[in-house]
Protein backbone atom coordinates (compact mmCIF):
# COMPACT_ATOMS: atom_id res chain seq x y z
CA MET A 1 -51.68 3.99 -0.18
CA SER A 2 -52.06 0.48 -1.75
CA GLY A 3 -51.17 -1.13 -5.27
CA PRO A 4 -48.29 0.00 -7.70
CA PHE A 5 -47.17 3.36 -8.54
CA ALA A 6 -46.32 5.02 -11.68
CA SER A 7 -42.77 5.42 -12.77
CA ALA A 8 -40.62 7.46 -14.06
CA LYS A 9 -36.35 7.57 -14.99
CA LEU A 10 -34.28 9.01 -12.91
CA GLY A 11 -32.68 11.39 -15.21
CA ASP A 12 -36.07 12.80 -15.55
CA VAL A 13 -36.42 13.50 -12.10
CA ALA A 14 -33.19 14.31 -11.13
CA GLU A 15 -30.19 15.80 -12.28
CA LEU A 16 -27.24 13.93 -12.47
CA ASN A 17 -23.70 15.47 -11.65
CA PRO A 18 -24.72 19.45 -12.03
CA LYS A 19 -21.77 21.49 -12.87
CA PHE A 20 -20.96 23.43 -10.30
CA ALA A 21 -23.03 27.39 -10.69
CA GLY A 22 -21.65 29.14 -7.23
CA GLN A 23 -19.14 32.24 -7.59
CA LEU A 24 -16.89 31.94 -4.63
CA GLU A 25 -14.11 33.74 -3.55
CA GLY A 26 -10.77 31.54 -3.24
CA GLU A 27 -10.65 31.91 0.94
CA VAL A 28 -14.22 31.39 1.16
CA SER A 29 -14.53 28.04 3.03
CA VAL A 30 -16.49 25.02 2.13
CA SER A 31 -17.12 21.50 2.87
CA PHE A 32 -14.70 18.68 1.71
CA MET A 33 -15.88 14.91 1.17
CA PRO A 34 -13.72 11.87 1.00
CA MET A 35 -14.86 8.87 0.19
CA ALA A 36 -14.03 7.41 3.92
CA ALA A 37 -16.38 10.01 4.92
CA VAL A 38 -18.94 8.24 3.75
CA ILE A 39 -20.32 5.17 5.82
CA ALA A 40 -22.47 3.00 3.80
CA GLU A 41 -24.59 2.12 7.44
CA MET A 42 -25.50 5.75 7.45
CA THR A 43 -28.03 7.45 5.59
CA CYS A 44 -26.62 10.78 5.97
CA SER A 45 -23.11 11.68 5.53
CA THR A 46 -20.66 13.24 8.16
CA PRO A 47 -20.26 16.81 8.07
CA GLY A 48 -16.97 16.42 6.26
CA GLU A 49 -14.01 18.56 6.22
CA GLU A 50 -13.67 22.44 6.30
CA ARG A 51 -11.38 23.72 3.49
CA PRO A 52 -10.60 26.82 1.22
CA TYR A 53 -12.30 27.19 -2.15
CA TYR A 54 -9.12 27.20 -3.57
CA GLU A 55 -7.64 23.78 -2.81
CA VAL A 56 -10.73 22.08 -3.60
CA SER A 57 -12.35 24.16 -6.62
CA LYS A 58 -10.25 21.54 -9.35
CA GLY A 59 -10.15 18.30 -9.59
CA TYR A 60 -13.00 17.59 -7.32
CA THR A 61 -16.35 16.56 -7.47
CA PRO A 62 -18.94 19.92 -6.68
CA PHE A 63 -22.04 19.08 -4.94
CA LEU A 64 -24.90 21.16 -2.72
CA ASP A 65 -25.47 20.31 1.14
CA GLY A 66 -28.64 17.91 0.49
CA ASP A 67 -27.68 16.31 -2.57
CA LEU A 68 -27.79 12.53 -2.60
CA LEU A 69 -23.93 11.09 -3.16
CA VAL A 70 -23.44 7.56 -4.54
CA ALA A 71 -20.44 6.13 -5.08
CA LYS A 72 -19.47 4.87 -8.47
CA ILE A 73 -15.88 2.69 -8.09
CA THR A 74 -16.14 -0.87 -7.02
CA PRO A 75 -16.76 -1.55 -4.12
CA CYS A 76 -17.75 1.42 -2.49
CA PHE A 77 -20.72 1.06 -4.38
CA GLU A 78 -21.45 -2.72 -3.58
CA ASN A 79 -20.54 -2.16 -0.38
CA GLY A 80 -23.30 0.46 -0.15
CA LYS A 81 -21.81 4.05 0.01
CA ILE A 82 -24.85 5.72 -1.02
CA THR A 83 -25.73 8.65 1.25
CA GLN A 84 -27.13 12.25 1.47
CA ALA A 85 -25.04 15.23 2.06
CA ARG A 86 -25.22 16.71 5.43
CA ILE A 87 -22.58 19.01 5.56
CA GLN A 88 -21.16 22.20 7.30
CA TYR A 89 -21.61 25.13 3.89
CA LYS A 90 -24.10 24.94 1.84
CA PHE A 91 -21.52 24.05 -0.95
CA GLY A 92 -19.27 21.00 -1.04
CA PHE A 93 -16.58 19.05 -3.06
CA GLY A 94 -15.55 15.52 -2.97
CA SER A 95 -14.17 12.87 -4.28
CA THR A 96 -14.44 12.07 -7.74
CA GLU A 97 -15.66 8.54 -7.75
CA PHE A 98 -18.88 10.15 -6.42
CA HIS A 99 -21.97 10.50 -8.88
CA VAL A 100 -24.28 13.35 -7.85
CA VAL A 101 -27.96 12.95 -7.44
CA ARG A 102 -29.63 16.59 -7.37
CA PRO A 103 -33.68 15.40 -7.24
CA TYR A 104 -35.86 17.98 -8.49
CA ARG A 105 -38.12 18.56 -5.38
CA HIS A 106 -41.24 19.40 -6.91
CA LEU A 107 -40.88 15.28 -8.16
CA VAL A 108 -39.03 13.71 -6.02
CA ASP A 109 -38.28 13.62 -2.42
CA ALA A 110 -35.04 13.37 -1.90
CA ARG A 111 -35.20 10.76 1.44
CA TYR A 112 -37.56 8.59 -0.69
CA LEU A 113 -35.43 8.99 -3.46
CA LEU A 114 -32.82 7.88 -1.21
CA HIS A 115 -33.85 4.41 0.41
CA PHE A 116 -35.01 3.51 -3.08
CA LEU A 117 -31.40 3.79 -4.10
CA ARG A 118 -30.18 1.98 -1.15
CA GLN A 119 -32.27 -0.84 -1.62
CA GLU A 120 -30.04 -4.14 -2.07
CA LYS A 121 -31.31 -5.18 -5.87
CA VAL A 122 -30.32 -1.76 -7.04
CA ARG A 123 -27.08 -2.21 -5.90
CA LEU A 124 -26.75 -5.86 -7.70
CA GLU A 125 -28.36 -4.28 -10.82
CA GLY A 126 -25.85 -1.52 -11.17
CA GLU A 127 -22.66 -3.72 -9.90
CA ARG A 128 -23.50 -5.68 -13.43
CA LYS A 129 -23.56 -2.88 -15.07
CA MET A 130 -20.17 -1.39 -14.27
CA THR A 131 -17.72 -0.91 -17.01
CA GLY A 132 -13.74 -0.90 -16.75
CA SER A 133 -11.12 -3.09 -16.07
CA ALA A 134 -10.94 -5.20 -12.50
CA GLY A 135 -10.56 -3.19 -9.66
CA GLN A 136 -11.11 0.26 -11.19
CA ARG A 137 -14.65 -0.81 -12.39
CA ARG A 138 -17.46 1.62 -11.78
CA VAL A 139 -21.13 2.30 -11.84
CA PRO A 140 -21.71 4.82 -15.60
CA VAL A 141 -24.07 7.72 -14.60
CA SER A 142 -26.36 5.85 -17.61
CA PHE A 143 -27.31 3.04 -15.47
CA LEU A 144 -28.46 6.07 -13.00
CA ALA A 145 -30.44 7.92 -15.91
CA ASN A 146 -31.91 5.06 -16.68
CA LEU A 147 -33.39 3.50 -14.01
CA GLU A 148 -36.78 3.10 -13.22
CA ILE A 149 -38.44 4.84 -10.17
CA PRO A 150 -41.69 4.20 -8.53
CA LEU A 151 -42.98 7.77 -8.61
CA PRO A 152 -46.47 8.02 -5.90
CA PRO A 153 -47.66 11.48 -5.06
CA LEU A 154 -45.49 13.27 -3.28
CA ALA A 155 -47.01 13.58 0.10
CA GLU A 156 -47.15 9.41 -0.20
CA GLN A 157 -42.80 9.65 -0.48
CA GLN A 158 -42.77 11.76 2.26
CA ARG A 159 -44.87 9.44 4.10
CA ILE A 160 -42.58 6.20 2.87
CA ALA A 161 -39.37 8.30 3.68
CA ALA A 162 -40.17 9.03 6.96
CA ILE A 163 -41.80 4.89 7.96
CA LEU A 164 -38.14 3.84 6.45
CA ASP A 165 -36.63 6.81 8.32
CA ARG A 166 -38.08 5.72 11.38
CA ALA A 167 -37.22 2.22 11.17
CA ASP A 168 -33.33 2.98 10.31
CA GLU A 169 -32.61 5.27 13.63
CA LEU A 170 -33.42 1.89 15.41
CA ARG A 171 -30.47 0.30 12.96
CA ALA A 172 -28.20 3.08 14.29
CA LYS A 173 -29.32 3.40 17.69
CA ARG A 174 -28.58 -0.69 17.73
CA ARG A 175 -25.28 -0.15 16.37
CA ALA A 176 -24.21 2.64 18.60
CA ALA A 177 -24.95 0.01 21.81
CA LEU A 178 -22.65 -2.71 19.80
CA ALA A 179 -19.93 0.66 19.06
CA GLN A 180 -20.03 1.39 22.74
CA LEU A 181 -19.71 -2.15 24.05
CA ASP A 182 -16.35 -2.27 22.14
CA THR A 183 -15.27 0.74 24.00
CA LEU A 184 -16.62 -0.68 26.78
CA THR A 185 -13.86 -3.63 26.49
CA GLN A 186 -11.07 -1.59 25.46
CA SER A 187 -11.52 0.23 28.64
CA ILE A 188 -11.23 -2.47 30.70
CA PHE A 189 -8.46 -4.03 28.52
CA ILE A 190 -6.54 -0.11 29.52
CA ASP A 191 -7.76 -0.43 33.26
CA MET A 192 -6.23 -4.26 33.52
CA PHE A 193 -3.17 -3.93 31.41
CA GLY A 194 -2.65 -0.08 30.59
CA ASP A 195 -1.54 1.47 27.22
CA PRO A 196 1.16 -1.14 26.21
CA THR A 197 2.93 1.33 24.19
CA THR A 198 4.19 2.55 27.36
CA ASN A 199 3.62 -0.56 29.99
CA PRO A 200 3.21 1.30 32.71
CA ASN A 201 2.76 -1.79 34.74
CA GLU A 202 6.37 -2.87 33.46
CA TRP A 203 5.19 -6.28 32.16
CA PRO A 204 7.92 -8.51 31.34
CA ASN A 205 8.50 -7.34 27.42
CA SER A 206 11.51 -9.97 26.00
CA THR A 207 9.52 -12.57 24.65
CA ILE A 208 8.70 -12.37 20.82
CA LEU A 209 5.58 -14.62 19.24
CA GLY A 210 7.65 -17.06 17.57
CA GLU A 211 9.03 -18.08 20.60
CA VAL A 212 5.56 -18.84 22.19
CA ALA A 213 3.32 -19.65 19.12
CA GLU A 214 3.37 -21.73 15.75
CA ILE A 215 2.70 -19.47 12.64
CA THR A 216 1.66 -20.65 9.24
CA SER A 217 -0.01 -18.95 6.50
CA GLY A 218 -2.91 -21.34 4.27
CA VAL A 219 -3.51 -22.81 1.25
CA THR A 220 -3.15 -21.38 -2.20
CA LYS A 221 -6.03 -20.67 -4.73
CA GLY A 222 -5.14 -21.83 -7.64
CA ARG A 223 -1.75 -24.39 -7.06
CA LYS A 224 -1.49 -27.18 -9.02
CA LEU A 225 -3.14 -30.45 -7.63
CA ASN A 226 -1.78 -33.21 -10.41
CA GLY A 227 -4.65 -35.32 -10.23
CA LYS A 228 -4.45 -36.18 -6.21
CA GLU A 229 -7.56 -36.96 -4.49
CA ILE A 230 -9.09 -34.09 -3.34
CA ARG A 231 -12.32 -32.60 -1.74
CA SER A 232 -14.47 -29.75 -1.05
CA ILE A 233 -13.90 -27.81 1.99
CA PRO A 234 -14.57 -24.31 2.69
CA TYR A 235 -11.79 -22.37 3.40
CA LEU A 236 -11.76 -18.56 5.30
CA ALA A 237 -10.72 -15.47 2.60
CA VAL A 238 -9.48 -11.89 3.96
CA VAL A 239 -12.85 -10.50 3.94
CA ASN A 240 -14.10 -13.03 6.53
CA VAL A 241 -11.40 -11.91 8.91
CA GLN A 242 -12.51 -8.67 10.61
CA ASP A 243 -11.06 -6.46 13.31
CA ARG A 244 -11.71 -8.93 16.48
CA ARG A 245 -14.81 -10.41 14.65
CA LEU A 246 -15.45 -12.55 11.52
CA ASP A 247 -18.00 -12.25 8.66
CA LEU A 248 -19.60 -15.51 7.84
CA SER A 249 -21.91 -14.08 5.48
CA THR A 250 -20.49 -15.13 2.76
CA ILE A 251 -18.01 -18.45 2.69
CA LYS A 252 -16.67 -19.59 -0.21
CA THR A 253 -15.43 -23.63 -0.94
CA ILE A 254 -12.08 -24.67 -2.13
CA ASP A 255 -10.65 -28.49 -3.58
CA ALA A 256 -7.79 -29.59 -1.55
CA THR A 257 -6.40 -32.74 -0.12
CA GLU A 258 -6.44 -34.28 2.84
CA GLU A 259 -3.14 -33.82 3.74
CA GLU A 260 -3.63 -30.09 2.88
CA ILE A 261 -6.89 -30.21 5.13
CA GLN A 262 -5.46 -31.34 7.96
CA ARG A 263 -2.08 -29.21 7.53
CA TYR A 264 -4.61 -26.34 7.11
CA ARG A 265 -7.43 -27.11 9.43
CA LEU A 266 -8.73 -24.15 11.89
CA ILE A 267 -9.06 -25.10 15.64
CA LYS A 268 -10.86 -23.26 18.10
CA ASP A 269 -8.70 -20.32 20.03
CA ASP A 270 -6.40 -20.08 16.36
CA LEU A 271 -5.66 -16.41 16.10
CA LEU A 272 -6.45 -15.69 12.44
CA LEU A 273 -4.63 -12.65 10.98
CA THR A 274 -4.82 -11.05 7.60
CA GLU A 275 -1.02 -10.27 5.83
CA GLY A 276 -2.14 -6.99 4.61
CA GLY A 277 -4.40 -3.82 3.11
CA ASP A 278 -5.09 -0.80 4.12
CA PRO A 279 -2.21 0.79 6.23
CA ASP A 280 -4.48 0.98 9.78
CA LYS A 281 -6.28 -2.37 9.37
CA LEU A 282 -2.55 -4.01 10.00
CA GLY A 283 -2.83 -6.07 12.90
CA ARG A 284 -6.83 -7.00 11.95
CA GLY A 285 -7.58 -10.38 13.07
CA THR A 286 -9.54 -12.67 15.42
CA LEU A 287 -10.20 -16.04 16.72
CA TRP A 288 -11.56 -18.69 15.52
CA ASN A 289 -14.45 -20.19 17.95
CA ASP A 290 -15.27 -23.65 15.70
CA GLU A 291 -18.13 -21.34 13.73
CA LEU A 292 -17.81 -24.41 11.02
CA PRO A 293 -17.40 -28.15 11.59
CA GLU A 294 -14.36 -28.03 9.21
CA CYS A 295 -12.73 -25.17 7.95
CA ILE A 296 -9.08 -23.74 6.40
CA HIS A 297 -7.40 -20.49 5.65
CA GLN A 298 -6.53 -18.95 2.61
CA ASN A 299 -2.83 -17.85 1.83
CA HIS A 300 -3.19 -14.32 2.61
CA ILE A 301 -4.29 -14.77 6.31
CA PHE A 302 -2.06 -16.16 9.14
CA ARG A 303 -3.09 -18.74 11.38
CA VAL A 304 -1.68 -18.16 14.90
CA ARG A 305 -1.33 -21.24 17.32
CA LEU A 306 -0.24 -21.08 20.99
CA ARG A 307 2.09 -23.53 22.36
CA SER A 308 2.78 -21.83 25.50
CA ASP A 309 0.69 -21.62 28.60
CA VAL A 310 2.39 -18.24 29.42
CA LEU A 311 -0.37 -16.32 26.70
CA HIS A 312 -4.06 -16.17 26.41
CA PRO A 313 -5.18 -16.10 22.86
CA LEU A 314 -7.94 -12.88 23.71
CA PHE A 315 -5.34 -10.93 25.61
CA LEU A 316 -2.87 -11.56 22.34
CA ASN A 317 -5.74 -10.26 20.00
CA TRP A 318 -6.23 -7.47 21.78
CA LEU A 319 -3.11 -7.04 22.00
CA MET A 320 -1.98 -7.30 18.43
CA SER A 321 -4.95 -5.03 17.49
CA SER A 322 -4.21 -2.82 20.19
CA HIS A 323 -2.72 1.11 19.36
CA TYR A 324 0.63 -1.06 20.03
CA GLY A 325 0.11 -3.85 18.05
CA LYS A 326 -0.57 -1.63 14.46
CA ARG A 327 2.59 1.16 15.68
CA TYR A 328 4.57 -2.67 14.96
CA PHE A 329 3.20 -3.81 11.78
CA LEU A 330 3.40 -0.06 10.33
CA ARG A 331 6.65 0.55 11.06
CA ALA A 332 7.80 -3.31 10.17
CA ALA A 333 5.32 -3.84 6.92
CA LYS A 334 6.56 -3.47 3.47
CA GLN A 335 4.07 -0.28 1.79
CA THR A 336 3.45 0.18 -1.65
CA THR A 337 0.56 2.47 -3.51
CA GLY A 338 -1.11 2.78 -0.31
CA ILE A 339 -1.09 -1.41 0.57
CA ALA A 340 1.03 -2.54 3.49
CA THR A 341 2.00 -6.35 3.86
CA ILE A 342 3.60 -7.98 6.73
CA ASN A 343 5.79 -11.30 6.32
CA MET A 344 6.07 -14.09 8.60
CA THR A 345 9.35 -12.93 10.59
CA GLN A 346 7.92 -9.83 11.00
CA LEU A 347 5.22 -11.32 12.69
CA ARG A 348 6.99 -14.53 14.34
CA ASN A 349 9.05 -11.13 15.72
CA PHE A 350 5.88 -9.37 17.67
CA PRO A 351 7.08 -7.89 20.51
CA LEU A 352 4.94 -9.97 23.35
CA LEU A 353 4.34 -8.28 26.82
CA LEU A 354 3.23 -10.87 29.36
CA PRO A 355 0.96 -10.03 32.16
CA PRO A 356 0.34 -12.57 34.84
CA ILE A 357 -2.30 -15.27 33.13
CA GLU A 358 -4.63 -15.31 35.92
CA ILE A 359 -5.28 -11.19 34.90
CA GLN A 360 -5.59 -12.56 31.65
CA GLN A 361 -7.96 -15.03 32.21
CA ARG A 362 -9.89 -12.37 33.89
CA PHE A 363 -10.04 -10.68 31.36
CA ALA A 364 -11.37 -13.37 28.96
CA ALA A 365 -13.87 -13.62 31.66
CA CYS A 366 -15.32 -9.70 31.31
CA VAL A 367 -14.69 -9.90 27.37
CA ALA A 368 -17.08 -12.85 27.71
CA ALA A 369 -19.96 -10.75 29.84
CA VAL A 370 -19.71 -8.24 27.26
CA GLY A 371 -20.18 -10.79 24.67
CA GLU A 372 -22.88 -11.93 25.95
CA LEU A 373 -24.85 -8.90 25.62
CA ALA A 374 -23.11 -7.70 22.89
CA CYS A 375 -25.03 -10.80 21.17
CA LYS A 376 -28.23 -10.32 22.05
CA HIS A 377 -27.58 -6.99 20.81
CA ARG A 378 -26.32 -8.54 16.94
CA ALA A 379 -29.37 -10.74 17.31
CA SER A 380 -31.97 -7.28 17.85
CA LEU A 381 -29.64 -5.89 14.59
CA ALA A 382 -30.36 -9.02 12.68
CA GLU A 383 -34.29 -8.96 13.74
CA LEU A 384 -34.12 -5.20 12.53
CA ASN A 385 -32.39 -5.57 9.60
CA ALA A 386 -34.82 -8.21 7.98
CA LEU A 387 -38.10 -6.11 8.98
CA PHE A 388 -36.03 -2.43 6.86
CA ALA A 389 -35.37 -5.01 4.42
CA SER A 390 -39.52 -5.86 3.90
CA LEU A 391 -40.23 -2.51 4.86
CA GLN A 392 -37.77 -1.29 1.82
CA HIS A 393 -39.34 -4.36 -0.23
CA ARG A 394 -43.31 -3.27 0.65
CA ALA A 395 -42.84 0.40 0.16
CA PHE A 396 -41.66 0.68 -3.69
CA ARG A 397 -44.43 -2.23 -4.21
CA GLY A 398 -46.77 0.56 -3.16
CA GLU A 399 -47.76 -1.98 0.26
CA LEU A 400 -46.66 0.53 2.92
């Protein structure tokens, strides 16, 4: 079908945040959906957790299998946590930070509507309409109710949804392949070094990180420069430093003096570690590989620069991100209201394992080989993402 479609407001083709209409006994099993169970890249939810009805009947958001769940709080909405519930039981309950969208099936196809809501332009518009204070901003239900939805005949909606579903399946397979490569590298690490937690090979463990590395914090935003000569330079924020990878999709700049630039400038094989965040994210870090000609880092990121040839930077990165490393950071960290942070002293005291450098170098060579394959998969995924965005754009303009 070609040409623009007629449209309708979402509130006219779907029920928003419907009340629970079931009559259940307290011990009856239902599905429970925490926010963490909704994965931004997936268009269907995980099955959720099994809970007795009496545990979740109050204080949670009710929904049915097949309903659409839209995260309303920042940053979950902006990150794309919009999915269709595919749960074990008919009745589900979840985070109070979900809006529930229940399509009127005779008017709109649920998968068609899901793909519409997952568009970047919808998320950007919803972000602009958020209400509340910083850190607690939410998308109001009125934004969803007033969204104009292109509304072709139901058969055409189902055709469009099937095309987008098939395209999305290709992206999911590519992401799964990347995840398998990461699992492969983890297996190689364990095979070569054993589990660091138990250290079965009895590698030397009496050295701490501060004895073999220079560790520094970064530049502070909002500091007073008092008229000093400055220039703008790219800098890494916490969002850029992920677990064994960099996310450079958004790079900001900061004004800095030449002295600051020289002090904080990143060089190849610097290990970057985040200062804090969710407890399970402690030890999150990756290596700098001269991705930009010139770059510095902010003060919530530690820079670890090795000053000894007994340790390979890649082995160090994997050691610190292993269960062994995360367990150390979790014990050492200061925790308040669900946020855990480490300081410079705790990082310097990180207890190292020191296998022979030759084995570390062989591990680095294996990782490089897997990395080449992963790079090809990431390039393919980027192409699929671009194709999917193009299909989305055309689909809701009646050009598919």
